[in-house]
Amino acid sequence: MQDQEKQEVPQALDDGETVQVSALPAENDLEQQLSATEAKLAEMHDAFMRAKAETENIRRRAQEDVSKAHKFAVESFAEAMLPVRDSLEMALKVATPSVESLKEGVEMTLKQMTAAFEKNRLVEVTPAQGDKLDPMKHQAVAVVPADQEANTVVSVLQKGYMIADRLLRPAIVTAAQAK
């Protein structure tokens, strides 16, 4: 509570001396302080309720944003893959394809797919022969005798892929056997 002002009231003693005695604040002052405190409490309660509602709205909007991000995460990749599908469908519509035209069409389609992969940060994991075996990116399915250091890549059976810095599929490799 705030400091209360006390009033000094003179009071006479039996022997005729007067002494100053503190009196409590007037009842009217206490009622004013109580009403002011109640008004302040109502104001604080209102501010608290508004802040609570705003926090709830922010939480709800964040959940909706996360839900939409999950739902449409593949949208960019799908858009990049549509031309690849179109090219494959056009290749099937050719009445009399020659081997040369099929090869040219496949090469163009592969270029479109490579561009789509690059646009969406899908990167190949293709270790070279002699590279150190990395269990975080490579999966050795066989160990073969070789004229190179042990636990190095001898051959790549299947490329691996990463999305940004996350491994999607490890490269399938054979590794050199210890001598």
Protein backbone atom coordinates (compact mmCIF):
# COMPACT_ATOMS: atom_id res chain seq x y z
CA MET A 1 0.00 0.00 0.00
CA GLN A 2 0.99 3.58 -0.42
CA ASP A 3 2.24 5.62 2.50
CA GLN A 4 -0.68 6.86 4.51
CA GLU A 5 -0.64 10.34 5.89
CA LYS A 6 -1.32 10.43 9.61
CA GLN A 7 -2.86 13.40 11.28
CA GLU A 8 -1.45 14.69 14.53
CA VAL A 9 -4.21 15.26 17.07
CA PRO A 10 -3.48 17.04 20.38
CA GLN A 11 -4.66 15.11 23.44
CA ALA A 12 -4.71 16.41 27.03
CA LEU A 13 -3.24 14.36 29.86
CA ASP A 14 -4.49 14.29 33.47
CA ASP A 15 -1.76 16.61 34.67
CA GLY A 16 -2.61 19.25 32.07
CA GLU A 17 0.09 18.43 29.51
CA THR A 18 -0.92 17.96 25.89
CA VAL A 19 0.60 15.29 23.69
CA GLN A 20 0.36 14.85 19.94
CA VAL A 21 -1.24 11.47 19.03
CA SER A 22 -1.37 10.06 15.49
CA ALA A 23 -4.85 9.34 14.20
CA LEU A 24 -5.61 6.82 11.43
CA PRO A 25 -6.39 8.23 8.01
CA ALA A 26 -9.95 9.24 7.49
CA GLU A 27 -12.38 6.57 6.36
CA ASN A 28 -13.00 8.54 3.19
CA ASP A 29 -9.30 8.30 2.22
CA LEU A 30 -9.36 4.52 2.67
CA GLU A 31 -12.40 4.18 0.42
CA GLN A 32 -10.66 6.25 -2.26
CA GLN A 33 -7.54 4.11 -2.02
CA LEU A 34 -9.64 0.93 -2.21
CA SER A 35 -11.52 2.10 -5.28
CA ALA A 36 -8.27 3.20 -6.95
CA THR A 37 -6.71 -0.19 -6.18
CA GLU A 38 -9.77 -2.01 -7.53
CA ALA A 39 -9.64 0.07 -10.72
CA LYS A 40 -5.95 -0.73 -11.11
CA LEU A 41 -6.67 -4.42 -10.53
CA ALA A 42 -9.42 -4.39 -13.18
CA GLU A 43 -7.04 -2.66 -15.60
CA MET A 44 -4.29 -5.23 -14.95
CA HIS A 45 -6.75 -8.11 -15.29
CA ASP A 46 -7.94 -6.74 -18.63
CA ALA A 47 -4.34 -6.36 -19.86
CA PHE A 48 -3.56 -9.92 -18.72
CA MET A 49 -6.60 -11.36 -20.51
CA ARG A 50 -5.70 -9.49 -23.72
CA ALA A 51 -2.10 -10.73 -23.57
CA LYS A 52 -3.31 -14.28 -22.95
CA ALA A 53 -5.68 -14.10 -25.94
CA GLU A 54 -2.93 -12.68 -28.17
CA THR A 55 -0.55 -15.45 -27.13
CA GLU A 56 -3.19 -18.06 -27.94
CA ASN A 57 -3.77 -16.46 -31.37
CA ILE A 58 -0.04 -16.48 -32.13
CA ARG A 59 0.23 -20.15 -31.09
CA ARG A 60 -2.76 -21.08 -33.28
CA ARG A 61 -1.36 -19.18 -36.29
CA ALA A 62 2.04 -20.86 -35.85
CA GLN A 63 0.37 -24.29 -35.80
CA GLU A 64 -1.52 -23.45 -39.00
CA ASP A 65 1.72 -22.26 -40.67
CA VAL A 66 3.52 -25.49 -39.72
CA SER A 67 0.59 -27.54 -40.99
CA LYS A 68 0.60 -25.69 -44.32
CA ALA A 69 4.38 -26.07 -44.61
CA HIS A 70 4.08 -29.84 -44.16
CA LYS A 71 1.16 -30.06 -46.58
CA PHE A 72 2.81 -28.06 -49.37
CA ALA A 73 6.49 -28.88 -48.79
CA VAL A 74 6.68 -30.96 -51.95
CA GLU A 75 5.01 -28.29 -54.11
CA SER A 76 8.25 -26.79 -55.44
CA PHE A 77 9.65 -30.19 -56.34
CA ALA A 78 6.38 -31.22 -58.01
CA GLU A 79 6.41 -28.05 -60.12
CA ALA A 80 9.99 -28.78 -61.22
CA MET A 81 9.08 -32.39 -62.14
CA LEU A 82 6.07 -31.51 -64.34
CA PRO A 83 8.18 -30.76 -67.45
CA VAL A 84 9.92 -34.13 -67.00
CA ARG A 85 6.57 -35.92 -67.03
CA ASP A 86 5.44 -33.89 -70.05
CA SER A 87 8.59 -34.88 -71.96
CA LEU A 88 8.10 -38.57 -71.14
CA GLU A 89 4.45 -38.45 -72.25
CA MET A 90 5.41 -36.74 -75.52
CA ALA A 91 8.04 -39.41 -76.16
CA LEU A 92 5.39 -42.11 -75.85
CA LYS A 93 3.15 -40.33 -78.38
CA VAL A 94 5.75 -40.49 -81.19
CA ALA A 95 4.35 -42.85 -83.86
CA THR A 96 7.60 -44.28 -85.23
CA PRO A 97 10.48 -43.49 -82.88
CA SER A 98 14.01 -44.17 -83.97
CA VAL A 99 16.73 -45.27 -81.59
CA GLU A 100 18.49 -41.96 -82.14
CA SER A 101 15.37 -39.86 -81.40
CA LEU A 102 14.62 -41.95 -78.27
CA LYS A 103 18.17 -41.45 -77.03
CA GLU A 104 18.00 -37.71 -77.68
CA GLY A 105 14.64 -37.49 -75.87
CA VAL A 106 15.93 -39.41 -72.86
CA GLU A 107 19.00 -37.16 -72.68
CA MET A 108 16.82 -34.03 -72.75
CA THR A 109 14.50 -35.50 -70.10
CA LEU A 110 17.50 -36.35 -67.92
CA LYS A 111 18.70 -32.74 -68.23
CA GLN A 112 15.27 -31.52 -67.11
CA MET A 113 15.32 -33.90 -64.16
CA THR A 114 18.86 -32.85 -63.19
CA ALA A 115 17.76 -29.19 -63.28
CA ALA A 116 14.76 -30.04 -61.08
CA PHE A 117 17.04 -31.84 -58.61
CA GLU A 118 19.46 -28.89 -58.49
CA LYS A 119 16.62 -26.40 -58.01
CA ASN A 120 15.40 -28.37 -55.00
CA ARG A 121 18.90 -29.02 -53.56
CA LEU A 122 18.79 -32.75 -54.28
CA VAL A 123 22.48 -33.65 -54.67
CA GLU A 124 24.07 -36.90 -55.87
CA VAL A 125 26.41 -38.82 -53.59
CA THR A 126 28.84 -40.51 -55.96
CA PRO A 127 32.16 -41.39 -54.33
CA ALA A 128 35.18 -41.92 -56.58
CA GLN A 129 37.23 -45.10 -56.55
CA GLY A 130 39.73 -44.91 -53.68
CA ASP A 131 37.66 -42.47 -51.58
CA LYS A 132 37.52 -43.30 -47.87
CA LEU A 133 34.34 -45.17 -46.94
CA ASP A 134 31.99 -42.76 -45.13
CA PRO A 135 29.30 -44.69 -43.22
CA MET A 136 27.22 -41.49 -43.03
CA LYS A 137 26.94 -41.36 -46.85
CA HIS A 138 27.93 -44.80 -48.15
CA GLN A 139 26.60 -48.30 -47.59
CA ALA A 140 29.12 -51.07 -48.29
CA VAL A 141 27.33 -54.23 -49.44
CA ALA A 142 30.48 -56.22 -50.12
CA VAL A 143 34.15 -56.25 -49.21
CA VAL A 144 36.41 -57.30 -52.06
CA PRO A 145 40.16 -57.82 -52.40
CA ALA A 146 41.71 -54.80 -54.12
CA ASP A 147 45.05 -53.13 -54.70
CA GLN A 148 44.13 -50.10 -52.61
CA GLU A 149 43.89 -49.07 -48.99
CA ALA A 150 41.39 -50.96 -46.80
CA ASN A 151 37.95 -49.39 -46.21
CA THR A 152 38.03 -47.38 -49.40
CA VAL A 153 35.49 -47.41 -52.24
CA VAL A 154 36.24 -49.93 -54.99
CA SER A 155 33.08 -49.39 -57.09
CA VAL A 156 29.73 -47.62 -56.90
CA LEU A 157 26.76 -49.91 -57.51
CA GLN A 158 24.10 -47.21 -57.00
CA LYS A 159 24.34 -43.44 -56.48
CA GLY A 160 23.14 -41.94 -53.23
CA TYR A 161 21.25 -38.69 -52.78
CA MET A 162 21.11 -35.89 -50.22
CA ILE A 163 18.52 -33.17 -49.76
CA ALA A 164 20.39 -30.12 -48.56
CA ASP A 165 22.54 -31.61 -45.76
CA ARG A 166 20.29 -34.60 -45.04
CA LEU A 167 20.94 -38.05 -46.46
CA LEU A 168 18.01 -39.35 -48.51
CA ARG A 169 19.66 -42.55 -49.74
CA PRO A 170 23.23 -43.73 -49.18
CA ALA A 171 25.46 -44.63 -52.13
CA ILE A 172 25.67 -48.44 -52.45
CA VAL A 173 29.36 -49.35 -52.81
CA THR A 174 31.84 -52.19 -52.57
CA ALA A 175 34.76 -51.59 -50.24
CA ALA A 176 38.38 -52.72 -50.32
CA GLN A 177 39.28 -55.61 -48.05
CA ALA A 178 42.06 -55.29 -45.50
CA LYS A 179 45.25 -57.02 -46.70
